[in-house]
Protein backbone atom coordinates (compact mmCIF):
# COMPACT_ATOMS: atom_id res chain seq x y z
CA MET A 1 0.00 0.00 0.00
CA GLY A 2 2.81 2.36 0.96
CA ALA A 3 4.81 1.59 -2.19
CA GLY A 4 1.75 2.25 -4.35
CA LEU A 5 1.12 5.58 -2.66
CA VAL A 6 4.74 6.67 -3.20
CA LYS A 7 4.54 5.70 -6.89
CA TYR A 8 1.27 7.62 -7.27
CA SER A 9 2.80 10.70 -5.60
CA ARG A 10 5.81 10.62 -7.90
CA GLU A 11 3.60 10.36 -10.98
CA THR A 12 1.47 13.25 -9.72
CA VAL A 13 4.54 15.45 -9.20
CA ARG A 14 5.80 14.56 -12.67
CA ASP A 15 2.44 15.44 -14.24
CA VAL A 16 2.31 18.77 -12.41
CA LYS A 17 5.82 19.66 -13.59
CA GLN A 18 4.91 18.77 -17.17
CA VAL A 19 1.81 20.97 -17.06
CA ALA A 20 3.82 23.83 -15.53
CA ARG A 21 6.40 23.65 -18.32
CA GLY A 22 3.70 23.90 -20.98
CA TRP A 23 1.53 26.51 -19.28
CA ARG A 24 1.47 29.98 -20.82
CA TRP A 25 2.38 32.05 -17.79
CA GLY A 26 2.49 35.19 -19.89
CA ARG A 27 1.12 36.00 -23.31
CA ARG A 28 4.28 34.95 -25.13
CA PRO A 29 3.78 32.29 -27.80
CA GLN A 30 5.15 28.82 -27.13
CA VAL A 31 5.99 28.24 -30.78
CA PRO A 32 8.25 30.23 -33.13
CA ARG A 33 6.60 33.34 -34.52
CA SER A 34 7.23 32.05 -38.04
CA ALA A 35 5.07 28.98 -37.31
CA GLU A 36 2.08 30.95 -36.02
CA PRO A 37 -0.71 31.93 -38.41
CA TYR A 38 -0.69 35.57 -39.40
CA VAL A 39 -3.19 37.66 -37.51
CA ILE A 40 -3.70 41.37 -38.02
CA PRO A 41 -2.24 42.93 -34.86
CA LYS A 42 -4.73 44.56 -32.56
CA GLU A 43 -4.34 48.14 -31.45
CA THR A 44 -2.97 47.91 -27.93
CA SER A 45 -2.57 50.56 -25.29
CA VAL A 46 0.97 51.47 -24.27
CA PHE A 47 1.89 50.72 -20.68
CA PRO A 48 2.49 54.06 -18.88
CA THR A 49 5.80 54.45 -17.06
CA LYS A 50 5.83 58.12 -16.09
CA TRP A 51 4.79 57.12 -12.55
CA ALA A 52 8.12 55.23 -12.21
CA ARG A 53 9.97 58.56 -12.34
CA THR A 54 8.07 60.27 -9.54
CA PRO A 55 9.97 61.09 -6.30
CA ALA A 56 8.24 58.25 -4.40
CA ALA A 57 9.07 55.67 -7.08
CA ILE A 58 12.67 56.92 -7.27
CA ALA A 59 13.04 56.44 -3.50
CA VAL A 60 11.62 52.91 -3.65
CA ARG A 61 13.84 52.02 -6.61
CA ASP A 62 16.92 53.42 -4.89
CA PHE A 63 16.34 51.12 -1.91
CA ILE A 64 15.67 48.06 -4.10
CA GLN A 65 18.80 48.64 -6.16
CA LYS A 66 21.19 49.47 -3.34
CA VAL A 67 20.11 46.73 -0.92
CA PRO A 68 18.53 43.50 -2.26
CA LEU A 69 19.53 43.81 -5.93
CA ASN A 70 23.11 44.79 -5.14
CA ALA A 71 23.41 41.97 -2.58
CA VAL A 72 22.07 39.32 -4.95
CA LEU A 73 24.28 40.48 -7.81
CA ASN A 74 27.42 40.43 -5.67
CA PHE A 75 26.53 36.98 -4.36
CA GLU A 76 26.06 35.50 -7.83
CA VAL A 77 28.81 37.18 -9.89
CA SER A 78 32.14 38.90 -9.31
CA PRO A 79 31.83 42.25 -11.12
CA GLN A 80 34.57 44.76 -11.83
CA VAL A 81 34.14 48.29 -13.18
CA SER A 82 36.63 50.64 -14.77
CA GLY A 83 36.63 53.95 -16.62
CA LEU A 84 34.17 55.75 -14.35
CA ASP A 85 36.37 58.84 -14.52
CA SER A 86 35.03 59.26 -18.08
CA LEU A 87 31.65 60.16 -16.60
CA LEU A 88 33.20 63.24 -14.97
CA LYS A 89 33.41 64.75 -18.45
CA LEU A 90 29.62 64.93 -18.73
CA ASP A 91 27.85 68.21 -18.07
CA GLY A 92 24.27 67.09 -18.74
CA PRO A 93 22.16 64.13 -19.83
CA ALA A 94 23.73 61.53 -22.09
CA LEU A 95 23.02 58.37 -24.00
CA ILE A 96 24.75 55.32 -22.51
CA VAL A 97 25.36 52.72 -25.20
CA ALA A 98 26.57 49.16 -24.52
CA ASN A 99 26.78 45.76 -26.14
CA HIS A 100 24.11 43.32 -25.03
CA SER A 101 24.39 39.55 -24.54
CA SER A 102 22.65 38.77 -21.24
CA HIS A 103 19.86 39.82 -18.90
CA LEU A 104 22.69 40.57 -16.48
CA ASP A 105 23.73 43.58 -18.56
CA THR A 106 21.02 45.89 -17.22
CA PRO A 107 21.67 45.43 -13.46
CA LEU A 108 25.43 45.31 -14.06
CA LEU A 109 25.44 48.60 -15.92
CA LEU A 110 22.95 50.23 -13.58
CA LEU A 111 24.72 49.34 -10.33
CA SER A 112 28.12 50.29 -11.72
CA LEU A 113 27.03 53.93 -12.15
CA PRO A 114 27.68 56.55 -9.47
CA ASP A 115 24.56 57.10 -7.36
CA ALA A 116 23.77 60.58 -8.69
CA ILE A 117 23.82 59.34 -12.31
CA ARG A 118 22.11 56.04 -11.52
CA ARG A 119 19.09 57.77 -9.97
CA LYS A 120 18.62 59.80 -13.19
CA THR A 121 19.01 56.94 -15.67
CA ALA A 122 16.25 55.20 -17.62
CA PHE A 123 16.46 52.06 -19.74
CA ALA A 124 14.89 51.45 -23.13
CA ALA A 125 13.26 48.00 -23.04
CA ALA A 126 11.54 45.94 -25.71
CA ALA A 127 7.77 46.40 -25.47
CA ASP A 128 7.05 42.90 -26.78
CA TYR A 129 9.23 41.26 -24.12
CA PHE A 130 9.20 43.33 -20.91
CA PHE A 131 5.78 44.92 -21.36
CA ASP A 132 3.65 42.01 -22.57
CA THR A 133 2.10 41.46 -19.12
CA TRP A 134 1.23 44.08 -16.51
CA TRP A 135 3.20 42.47 -13.69
CA ARG A 136 6.38 42.17 -15.79
CA ALA A 137 5.96 45.73 -17.05
CA ALA A 138 5.37 47.16 -13.57
CA GLY A 139 8.24 45.18 -12.09
CA SER A 140 10.81 46.24 -14.67
CA ALA A 141 9.63 49.86 -14.50
CA ILE A 142 9.94 50.16 -10.73
CA VAL A 143 13.21 48.20 -10.40
CA PHE A 144 15.10 49.36 -13.52
CA ASN A 145 13.20 52.48 -14.61
CA THR A 146 12.44 51.00 -18.01
CA PHE A 147 10.19 52.46 -20.69
CA PRO A 148 8.86 50.51 -23.68
CA ILE A 149 10.10 50.80 -27.23
CA GLU A 150 8.81 48.92 -30.23
CA ARG A 151 11.60 46.95 -31.85
CA ARG A 152 9.56 46.61 -35.04
CA GLY A 153 8.55 50.25 -35.20
CA GLY A 154 5.53 51.96 -33.69
CA LYS A 155 4.67 54.29 -30.87
CA MET A 156 6.35 54.54 -27.48
CA SER A 157 5.03 55.54 -24.08
CA SER A 158 7.89 57.98 -23.47
CA THR A 159 10.36 58.63 -26.22
CA PRO A 160 14.04 58.73 -25.33
CA GLY A 161 14.11 62.29 -26.65
CA ASP A 162 11.50 63.38 -24.10
CA LEU A 163 13.52 61.88 -21.28
CA LEU A 164 16.76 63.46 -22.48
CA ALA A 165 15.02 66.83 -22.64
CA ASP A 166 13.87 66.33 -19.03
CA GLY A 167 17.45 65.70 -17.89
CA TRP A 168 17.39 61.90 -17.76
CA ASN A 169 20.22 59.72 -19.02
CA VAL A 170 19.01 56.97 -21.35
CA VAL A 171 20.59 53.53 -21.75
CA VAL A 172 20.26 52.01 -25.21
CA PHE A 173 21.38 48.58 -26.39
CA PRO A 174 21.77 49.30 -30.12
CA GLU A 175 21.85 45.61 -31.07
CA GLY A 176 18.12 45.60 -30.32
CA THR A 177 18.18 42.26 -28.50
CA ARG A 178 20.54 39.97 -26.65
CA SER A 179 23.24 38.33 -28.72
CA PRO A 180 22.39 34.66 -29.37
CA ASP A 181 26.03 33.58 -29.12
CA GLY A 182 27.73 36.22 -26.95
CA TRP A 183 29.39 38.10 -29.81
CA VAL A 184 28.53 41.65 -30.80
CA GLN A 185 25.76 41.91 -33.39
CA ARG A 186 25.15 44.73 -35.85
CA PHE A 187 24.50 48.09 -34.18
CA ARG A 188 21.34 49.83 -35.31
CA MET A 189 21.31 53.58 -35.88
CA GLY A 190 18.80 54.57 -33.19
CA ALA A 191 21.38 55.75 -30.64
CA ALA A 192 23.31 57.75 -33.24
CA TYR A 193 20.09 59.35 -34.47
CA LEU A 194 19.09 60.39 -30.93
CA ALA A 195 22.54 61.83 -30.24
CA VAL A 196 22.52 63.89 -33.43
CA GLU A 197 18.86 64.91 -33.14
CA HIS A 198 19.08 66.04 -29.50
CA ASN A 199 22.74 67.06 -29.46
CA VAL A 200 23.73 64.87 -26.51
CA PRO A 201 26.96 62.90 -25.95
CA VAL A 202 27.17 59.13 -26.14
CA VAL A 203 29.01 57.20 -23.42
CA PRO A 204 30.25 53.88 -24.87
CA VAL A 205 30.35 50.89 -22.52
CA GLY A 206 31.91 47.48 -23.06
CA ILE A 207 30.45 44.60 -21.05
CA LYS A 208 32.45 41.39 -21.04
CA GLY A 209 31.76 38.06 -19.39
CA SER A 210 28.00 38.45 -18.91
CA PHE A 211 27.20 35.84 -21.57
CA ALA A 212 29.43 33.30 -19.86
CA ALA A 213 27.88 34.19 -16.49
CA MET A 214 24.27 34.00 -17.69
CA PRO A 215 23.86 33.03 -21.34
CA ARG A 216 20.65 33.40 -23.25
CA GLY A 217 18.18 30.75 -22.14
CA ARG A 218 19.22 30.70 -18.49
CA GLY A 219 17.04 32.26 -15.81
CA TRP A 220 19.84 32.60 -13.25
CA PRO A 221 23.66 33.03 -13.35
CA VAL A 222 25.86 29.95 -13.43
CA PRO A 223 27.38 28.84 -10.12
CA GLY A 224 30.83 29.92 -8.95
CA ARG A 225 30.57 33.75 -9.03
CA PRO A 226 32.01 34.17 -12.54
CA GLY A 227 33.84 37.40 -13.31
CA VAL A 228 32.06 40.13 -15.27
CA ALA A 229 33.65 43.40 -16.41
CA VAL A 230 32.03 46.77 -17.18
CA ARG A 231 34.30 49.34 -18.86
CA TYR A 232 33.31 52.94 -19.62
CA GLY A 233 34.84 55.04 -22.37
CA ASP A 234 35.14 58.77 -22.98
CA PRO A 235 31.96 60.48 -24.20
CA LEU A 236 31.57 60.80 -27.96
CA ARG A 237 29.94 63.86 -29.46
CA PRO A 238 28.65 64.16 -33.01
CA ALA A 239 30.65 66.66 -34.99
CA GLU A 240 28.96 69.69 -36.48
CA GLY A 241 27.09 68.57 -39.56
CA GLU A 242 27.81 64.87 -38.90
CA SER A 243 24.91 62.63 -39.83
CA ALA A 244 23.63 59.70 -37.78
CA ARG A 245 24.81 57.35 -40.52
CA ASP A 246 28.36 58.64 -40.11
CA PHE A 247 28.22 58.80 -36.32
CA ALA A 248 26.92 55.24 -35.79
CA PRO A 249 30.16 53.49 -36.90
CA ARG A 250 32.13 55.64 -34.43
CA ILE A 251 29.91 54.44 -31.59
CA ALA A 252 30.32 50.80 -32.59
CA ALA A 253 34.10 51.24 -32.93
CA ALA A 254 34.32 52.78 -29.45
CA VAL A 255 32.49 49.84 -27.86
CA SER A 256 34.71 47.39 -29.76
CA ALA A 257 37.84 49.21 -28.55
CA LEU A 258 36.64 48.94 -24.94
CA LEU A 259 36.07 45.20 -25.32
CA ASP A 260 39.53 44.90 -26.87
CA GLU A 261 40.98 46.84 -23.95
CA GLU A 262 39.27 44.48 -21.53
CA SER A 263 40.94 41.51 -23.25
CA THR A 264 44.42 43.06 -23.53
CA THR A 265 45.79 46.32 -22.12
CA TRP A 266 44.88 49.99 -22.36
CA TYR A 267 48.02 50.82 -24.37
CA GLU A 268 47.65 48.00 -26.88
CA ALA A 269 43.94 48.67 -27.39
CA ARG A 270 44.44 52.43 -27.81
CA ARG A 271 47.27 51.88 -30.26
CA ARG A 272 45.13 49.59 -32.41
CA ALA A 273 42.16 51.95 -32.20
CA ALA A 274 44.31 54.89 -33.33
CA ILE A 275 45.15 53.14 -36.60
CA GLY A 276 41.73 51.59 -37.05
CA ALA A 277 42.99 48.07 -36.36
CA SER A 278 40.83 47.10 -33.38
CA PRO A 279 39.92 43.41 -33.68
CA SER A 280 36.35 42.67 -34.67
CA GLN A 281 34.07 41.72 -31.79
CA THR A 282 31.61 39.95 -34.07
CA GLY A 283 33.33 36.62 -33.48
CA PRO A 284 34.92 33.94 -35.64
CA GLU A 285 33.42 32.65 -38.85
CA ALA A 286 32.39 29.32 -37.39
CA ALA A 287 29.42 27.15 -36.51
CA HIS A 288 27.00 28.47 -33.90
CA TRP A 289 28.09 25.97 -31.26
CA ARG A 290 31.74 26.96 -31.74
CA ARG A 291 30.91 30.67 -31.31
CA VAL A 292 28.88 29.94 -28.19
CA TRP A 293 31.64 27.76 -26.77
CA GLU A 294 34.18 30.56 -27.31
CA SER A 295 31.90 33.10 -25.60
CA THR A 296 31.39 30.95 -22.51
CA ARG A 297 35.00 31.28 -21.40
CA GLN A 298 34.63 32.86 -18.00
CA LEU A 299 36.60 35.86 -16.82
CA PRO A 300 38.58 35.47 -13.62
CA SER A 301 36.85 36.62 -10.45
CA SER A 302 39.46 39.33 -9.94
CA THR A 303 41.16 41.16 -12.80
CA GLY A 304 43.90 43.23 -11.27
CA LYS A 305 43.83 46.84 -10.14
CA ARG A 306 40.43 47.84 -11.42
CA ARG A 307 37.92 49.09 -8.92
CA ALA A 308 35.77 46.37 -7.44
CA TRP A 309 32.00 46.56 -7.13
CA LYS A 310 30.35 48.82 -4.56
């Protein structure tokens, strides 16, 4: 009797787990978009996020970021930050532009900023991913100060230009989505357009090791507190008469130079950048598994004399 009850319990637990894996917890499709029948998209209301930038919300977010979020991040990864002196050259709002390969990138970048800048920084987030359910939208807005953008074009709740005009710094991942293999993808022109249109500087940031720490598909960092590096570069300003199309390659080159510097030394990276010989960060011409394998090499937990995390 006892053995039969145990067997029945195990089968029940297995069935519950199977149902949980197949349940649509959000509104995201469980099959590839290309396999779904075409349906004319419905007109949807944009989730408001202006409330997340009120004094009360800023105070709540400051506590969440500085206490539980900072503690969890330090427990799971070993972050290092360098180049913060570049931020001293700012005299107003700026666009912060970084490569993007992991969900770790947002908290890593956010918590690496000085407090005064961090409290006045908003993140552009994909509307179809972070704002597809009210609880995910509200959570990301209050914790990370996100606002939705349509990756496929369309309207936004608060445009980056509005926030820049109000004195907010705006973080943009110009690749549009996380890299599927850890290597840098093509930069879109949105950040360059905003910088030229609103005459604001761009702060390039190179993030290295986040893919190895928490690759795409994982919901939590890998064990062992892997090393992750965040490196800031000097602000870039569009030259007088420079178009967004001409400015965009300079932004991408600056991020690549920072990633090169993280892998070698400041002198070697600057020397290569000066002659336009910075190595490509788009990865080797190889099979997908080989590119992923190369990107999962973890950084050491401590990388020398750089400033450790707060």
